[in-house]
Amino acid sequence: MARGWESKSVESQIEAVESRHGASRRVPRTPEQIRVDREREGLLMSRKRVLHDLETATHERYREQLKAALRFLDTRLKALEK
């Protein structure tokens, strides 16, 4: 009798693992989706750097250039969302 209960427990554990793996599998992305994701990541990293530089910049002209770069990056990110 104990053996029957063990096998049912093992069977339910196997099913649970298989269902988790099935749920975590993604639909393969197209080359275009991969390109867009990489571009978005690059833009987000650039945006983070610009924000950091803007926080530490003291020269007004440089701050204006950074603000313009930030606007450009935000525009590009919005364009990728469409």
N, C-alpha and C. Protein backbone atom coordinates (compact mmCIF):
# COMPACT_ATOMS: atom_id res chain seq x y z
N MET A 1 0.81 -1.19 0.00
CA MET A 1 0.00 0.00 0.00
C MET A 1 0.87 1.27 0.00
N ALA A 2 1.91 1.28 0.78
CA ALA A 2 2.78 2.45 0.85
C ALA A 2 3.40 2.72 -0.51
N ARG A 3 3.71 1.64 -1.22
CA ARG A 3 4.33 1.81 -2.52
C ARG A 3 3.38 2.53 -3.48
N GLY A 4 2.12 2.21 -3.42
CA GLY A 4 1.13 2.88 -4.26
C GLY A 4 1.03 4.36 -3.97
N TRP A 5 1.09 4.72 -2.70
CA TRP A 5 1.03 6.14 -2.32
C TRP A 5 2.29 6.87 -2.80
N GLU A 6 3.45 6.20 -2.69
CA GLU A 6 4.69 6.83 -3.13
C GLU A 6 4.65 7.14 -4.61
N SER A 7 4.19 6.17 -5.40
CA SER A 7 4.19 6.36 -6.84
C SER A 7 3.24 7.48 -7.23
N LYS A 8 2.12 7.60 -6.53
CA LYS A 8 1.21 8.70 -6.82
C LYS A 8 1.83 10.03 -6.46
N SER A 9 2.57 10.07 -5.37
CA SER A 9 3.24 11.30 -4.97
C SER A 9 4.29 11.68 -5.99
N VAL A 10 5.08 10.71 -6.43
CA VAL A 10 6.11 10.98 -7.43
C VAL A 10 5.47 11.42 -8.73
N GLU A 11 4.39 10.76 -9.10
CA GLU A 11 3.69 11.11 -10.34
C GLU A 11 3.19 12.55 -10.27
N SER A 12 2.62 12.95 -9.14
CA SER A 12 2.12 14.32 -9.04
C SER A 12 3.27 15.32 -9.04
N GLN A 13 4.42 14.96 -8.46
CA GLN A 13 5.58 15.86 -8.50
C GLN A 13 6.09 16.03 -9.92
N ILE A 14 6.13 14.93 -10.68
CA ILE A 14 6.57 15.01 -12.07
C ILE A 14 5.63 15.88 -12.88
N GLU A 15 4.33 15.71 -12.68
CA GLU A 15 3.35 16.52 -13.40
C GLU A 15 3.50 18.01 -13.05
N ALA A 16 3.77 18.29 -11.77
CA ALA A 16 3.94 19.69 -11.36
C ALA A 16 5.15 20.32 -12.03
N VAL A 17 6.24 19.57 -12.10
CA VAL A 17 7.44 20.09 -12.76
C VAL A 17 7.19 20.31 -14.24
N GLU A 18 6.55 19.36 -14.88
CA GLU A 18 6.26 19.49 -16.31
C GLU A 18 5.35 20.66 -16.59
N SER A 19 4.38 20.89 -15.73
CA SER A 19 3.46 22.02 -15.96
C SER A 19 4.19 23.35 -15.79
N ARG A 20 5.13 23.41 -14.83
CA ARG A 20 5.91 24.64 -14.65
C ARG A 20 6.80 24.90 -15.85
N HIS A 21 7.43 23.86 -16.37
CA HIS A 21 8.29 24.03 -17.53
C HIS A 21 7.48 24.40 -18.76
N GLY A 22 6.31 23.84 -18.89
CA GLY A 22 5.46 24.18 -20.03
C GLY A 22 5.00 25.62 -19.98
N ALA A 23 4.72 26.12 -18.77
CA ALA A 23 4.28 27.50 -18.63
C ALA A 23 5.41 28.49 -18.86
N SER A 24 6.64 28.07 -18.56
CA SER A 24 7.76 29.00 -18.70
C SER A 24 8.30 29.05 -20.12
N ARG A 25 7.92 28.15 -20.95
CA ARG A 25 8.38 28.18 -22.35
C ARG A 25 7.72 29.34 -23.07
N ARG A 26 8.55 30.05 -23.81
CA ARG A 26 8.04 31.21 -24.53
C ARG A 26 7.89 30.90 -26.00
N VAL A 27 7.09 31.72 -26.63
CA VAL A 27 6.97 31.64 -28.07
C VAL A 27 8.25 32.22 -28.65
N PRO A 28 8.88 31.56 -29.60
CA PRO A 28 10.12 32.09 -30.15
C PRO A 28 9.91 33.50 -30.73
N ARG A 29 10.88 34.36 -30.45
CA ARG A 29 10.78 35.73 -30.95
C ARG A 29 11.33 35.80 -32.36
N THR A 30 10.79 36.72 -33.12
CA THR A 30 11.26 36.93 -34.49
C THR A 30 12.55 37.74 -34.45
N PRO A 31 13.32 37.70 -35.52
CA PRO A 31 14.54 38.53 -35.58
C PRO A 31 14.23 40.01 -35.38
N GLU A 32 13.10 40.46 -35.86
CA GLU A 32 12.72 41.87 -35.69
C GLU A 32 12.46 42.18 -34.22
N GLN A 33 11.79 41.28 -33.51
CA GLN A 33 11.55 41.49 -32.08
C GLN A 33 12.85 41.52 -31.30
N ILE A 34 13.78 40.66 -31.67
CA ILE A 34 15.08 40.63 -31.01
C ILE A 34 15.82 41.94 -31.26
N ARG A 35 15.78 42.43 -32.50
CA ARG A 35 16.44 43.69 -32.84
C ARG A 35 15.86 44.85 -32.04
N VAL A 36 14.54 44.90 -31.95
CA VAL A 36 13.86 45.97 -31.22
C VAL A 36 14.22 45.90 -29.73
N ASP A 37 14.24 44.70 -29.18
CA ASP A 37 14.59 44.54 -27.76
C ASP A 37 16.02 45.01 -27.49
N ARG A 38 16.93 44.66 -28.37
CA ARG A 38 18.32 45.09 -28.20
C ARG A 38 18.45 46.60 -28.33
N GLU A 39 17.74 47.17 -29.29
CA GLU A 39 17.79 48.62 -29.45
C GLU A 39 17.22 49.32 -28.21
N ARG A 40 16.11 48.79 -27.69
CA ARG A 40 15.50 49.35 -26.49
C ARG A 40 16.47 49.28 -25.31
N GLU A 41 17.14 48.15 -25.14
CA GLU A 41 18.10 48.00 -24.05
C GLU A 41 19.23 49.02 -24.18
N GLY A 42 19.73 49.21 -25.40
CA GLY A 42 20.79 50.19 -25.63
C GLY A 42 20.34 51.60 -25.32
N LEU A 43 19.12 51.94 -25.74
CA LEU A 43 18.58 53.27 -25.48
C LEU A 43 18.38 53.50 -23.99
N LEU A 44 17.90 52.47 -23.29
CA LEU A 44 17.69 52.59 -21.85
C LEU A 44 19.01 52.76 -21.10
N MET A 45 20.04 52.06 -21.54
CA MET A 45 21.35 52.22 -20.91
C MET A 45 21.90 53.62 -21.16
N SER A 46 21.73 54.11 -22.39
CA SER A 46 22.18 55.47 -22.72
C SER A 46 21.42 56.49 -21.89
N ARG A 47 20.12 56.27 -21.76
CA ARG A 47 19.28 57.19 -20.99
C ARG A 47 19.74 57.24 -19.53
N LYS A 48 20.07 56.09 -18.98
CA LYS A 48 20.54 56.02 -17.60
C LYS A 48 21.84 56.80 -17.44
N ARG A 49 22.75 56.65 -18.40
CA ARG A 49 24.03 57.36 -18.35
C ARG A 49 23.82 58.87 -18.46
N VAL A 50 22.93 59.28 -19.37
CA VAL A 50 22.66 60.70 -19.55
C VAL A 50 22.06 61.29 -18.28
N LEU A 51 21.14 60.56 -17.66
CA LEU A 51 20.55 61.06 -16.41
C LEU A 51 21.61 61.21 -15.32
N HIS A 52 22.50 60.26 -15.25
CA HIS A 52 23.58 60.35 -14.25
C HIS A 52 24.46 61.56 -14.53
N ASP A 53 24.83 61.72 -15.80
CA ASP A 53 25.68 62.87 -16.16
C ASP A 53 24.96 64.18 -15.90
N LEU A 54 23.67 64.21 -16.12
CA LEU A 54 22.89 65.42 -15.90
C LEU A 54 22.86 65.78 -14.41
N GLU A 55 22.81 64.78 -13.56
CA GLU A 55 22.81 65.04 -12.11
C GLU A 55 24.13 65.64 -11.64
N THR A 56 25.22 65.27 -12.31
CA THR A 56 26.54 65.72 -11.84
C THR A 56 27.10 66.89 -12.63
N ALA A 57 26.48 67.22 -13.75
CA ALA A 57 27.01 68.30 -14.61
C ALA A 57 26.81 69.66 -13.95
N THR A 58 27.82 70.51 -14.09
CA THR A 58 27.72 71.85 -13.53
C THR A 58 27.72 72.93 -14.61
N HIS A 59 28.31 72.64 -15.76
CA HIS A 59 28.37 73.61 -16.84
C HIS A 59 27.03 73.66 -17.57
N GLU A 60 26.48 74.85 -17.73
CA GLU A 60 25.13 75.00 -18.29
C GLU A 60 25.02 74.50 -19.72
N ARG A 61 26.01 74.76 -20.56
CA ARG A 61 25.94 74.29 -21.96
C ARG A 61 25.90 72.77 -22.02
N TYR A 62 26.72 72.15 -21.21
CA TYR A 62 26.74 70.69 -21.18
C TYR A 62 25.40 70.15 -20.69
N ARG A 63 24.81 70.81 -19.71
CA ARG A 63 23.50 70.39 -19.21
C ARG A 63 22.44 70.48 -20.32
N GLU A 64 22.51 71.54 -21.13
CA GLU A 64 21.56 71.68 -22.24
C GLU A 64 21.75 70.57 -23.27
N GLN A 65 23.00 70.21 -23.55
CA GLN A 65 23.26 69.10 -24.47
C GLN A 65 22.70 67.79 -23.91
N LEU A 66 22.88 67.57 -22.63
CA LEU A 66 22.36 66.36 -22.01
C LEU A 66 20.84 66.33 -22.03
N LYS A 67 20.21 67.49 -21.82
CA LYS A 67 18.75 67.55 -21.87
C LYS A 67 18.25 67.24 -23.28
N ALA A 68 18.96 67.75 -24.29
CA ALA A 68 18.59 67.46 -25.67
C ALA A 68 18.77 65.96 -25.97
N ALA A 69 19.84 65.37 -25.47
CA ALA A 69 20.07 63.94 -25.66
C ALA A 69 18.96 63.13 -24.98
N LEU A 70 18.54 63.56 -23.82
CA LEU A 70 17.47 62.88 -23.09
C LEU A 70 16.16 62.94 -23.87
N ARG A 71 15.86 64.10 -24.43
CA ARG A 71 14.63 64.22 -25.25
C ARG A 71 14.71 63.30 -26.46
N PHE A 72 15.88 63.25 -27.10
CA PHE A 72 16.07 62.38 -28.26
C PHE A 72 15.85 60.92 -27.88
N LEU A 73 16.46 60.49 -26.79
CA LEU A 73 16.32 59.10 -26.35
C LEU A 73 14.88 58.76 -26.00
N ASP A 74 14.19 59.68 -25.35
CA ASP A 74 12.79 59.44 -25.01
C ASP A 74 11.93 59.32 -26.26
N THR A 75 12.24 60.14 -27.27
CA THR A 75 11.50 60.07 -28.54
C THR A 75 11.72 58.72 -29.21
N ARG A 76 12.96 58.26 -29.22
CA ARG A 76 13.28 56.97 -29.83
C ARG A 76 12.59 55.83 -29.08
N LEU A 77 12.57 55.90 -27.76
CA LEU A 77 11.91 54.86 -26.98
C LEU A 77 10.41 54.83 -27.24
N LYS A 78 9.81 56.00 -27.36
CA LYS A 78 8.37 56.04 -27.68
C LYS A 78 8.09 55.45 -29.04
N ALA A 79 8.99 55.72 -30.00
CA ALA A 79 8.82 55.19 -31.36
C ALA A 79 8.90 53.67 -31.36
N LEU A 80 9.69 53.10 -30.50
CA LEU A 80 9.80 51.64 -30.43
C LEU A 80 8.57 50.99 -29.84
N GLU A 81 7.83 51.72 -29.02
CA GLU A 81 6.63 51.17 -28.39
C GLU A 81 5.51 50.96 -29.40
N LYS A 82 5.54 51.67 -30.48
CA LYS A 82 4.45 51.57 -31.48
C LYS A 82 4.55 50.34 -32.30
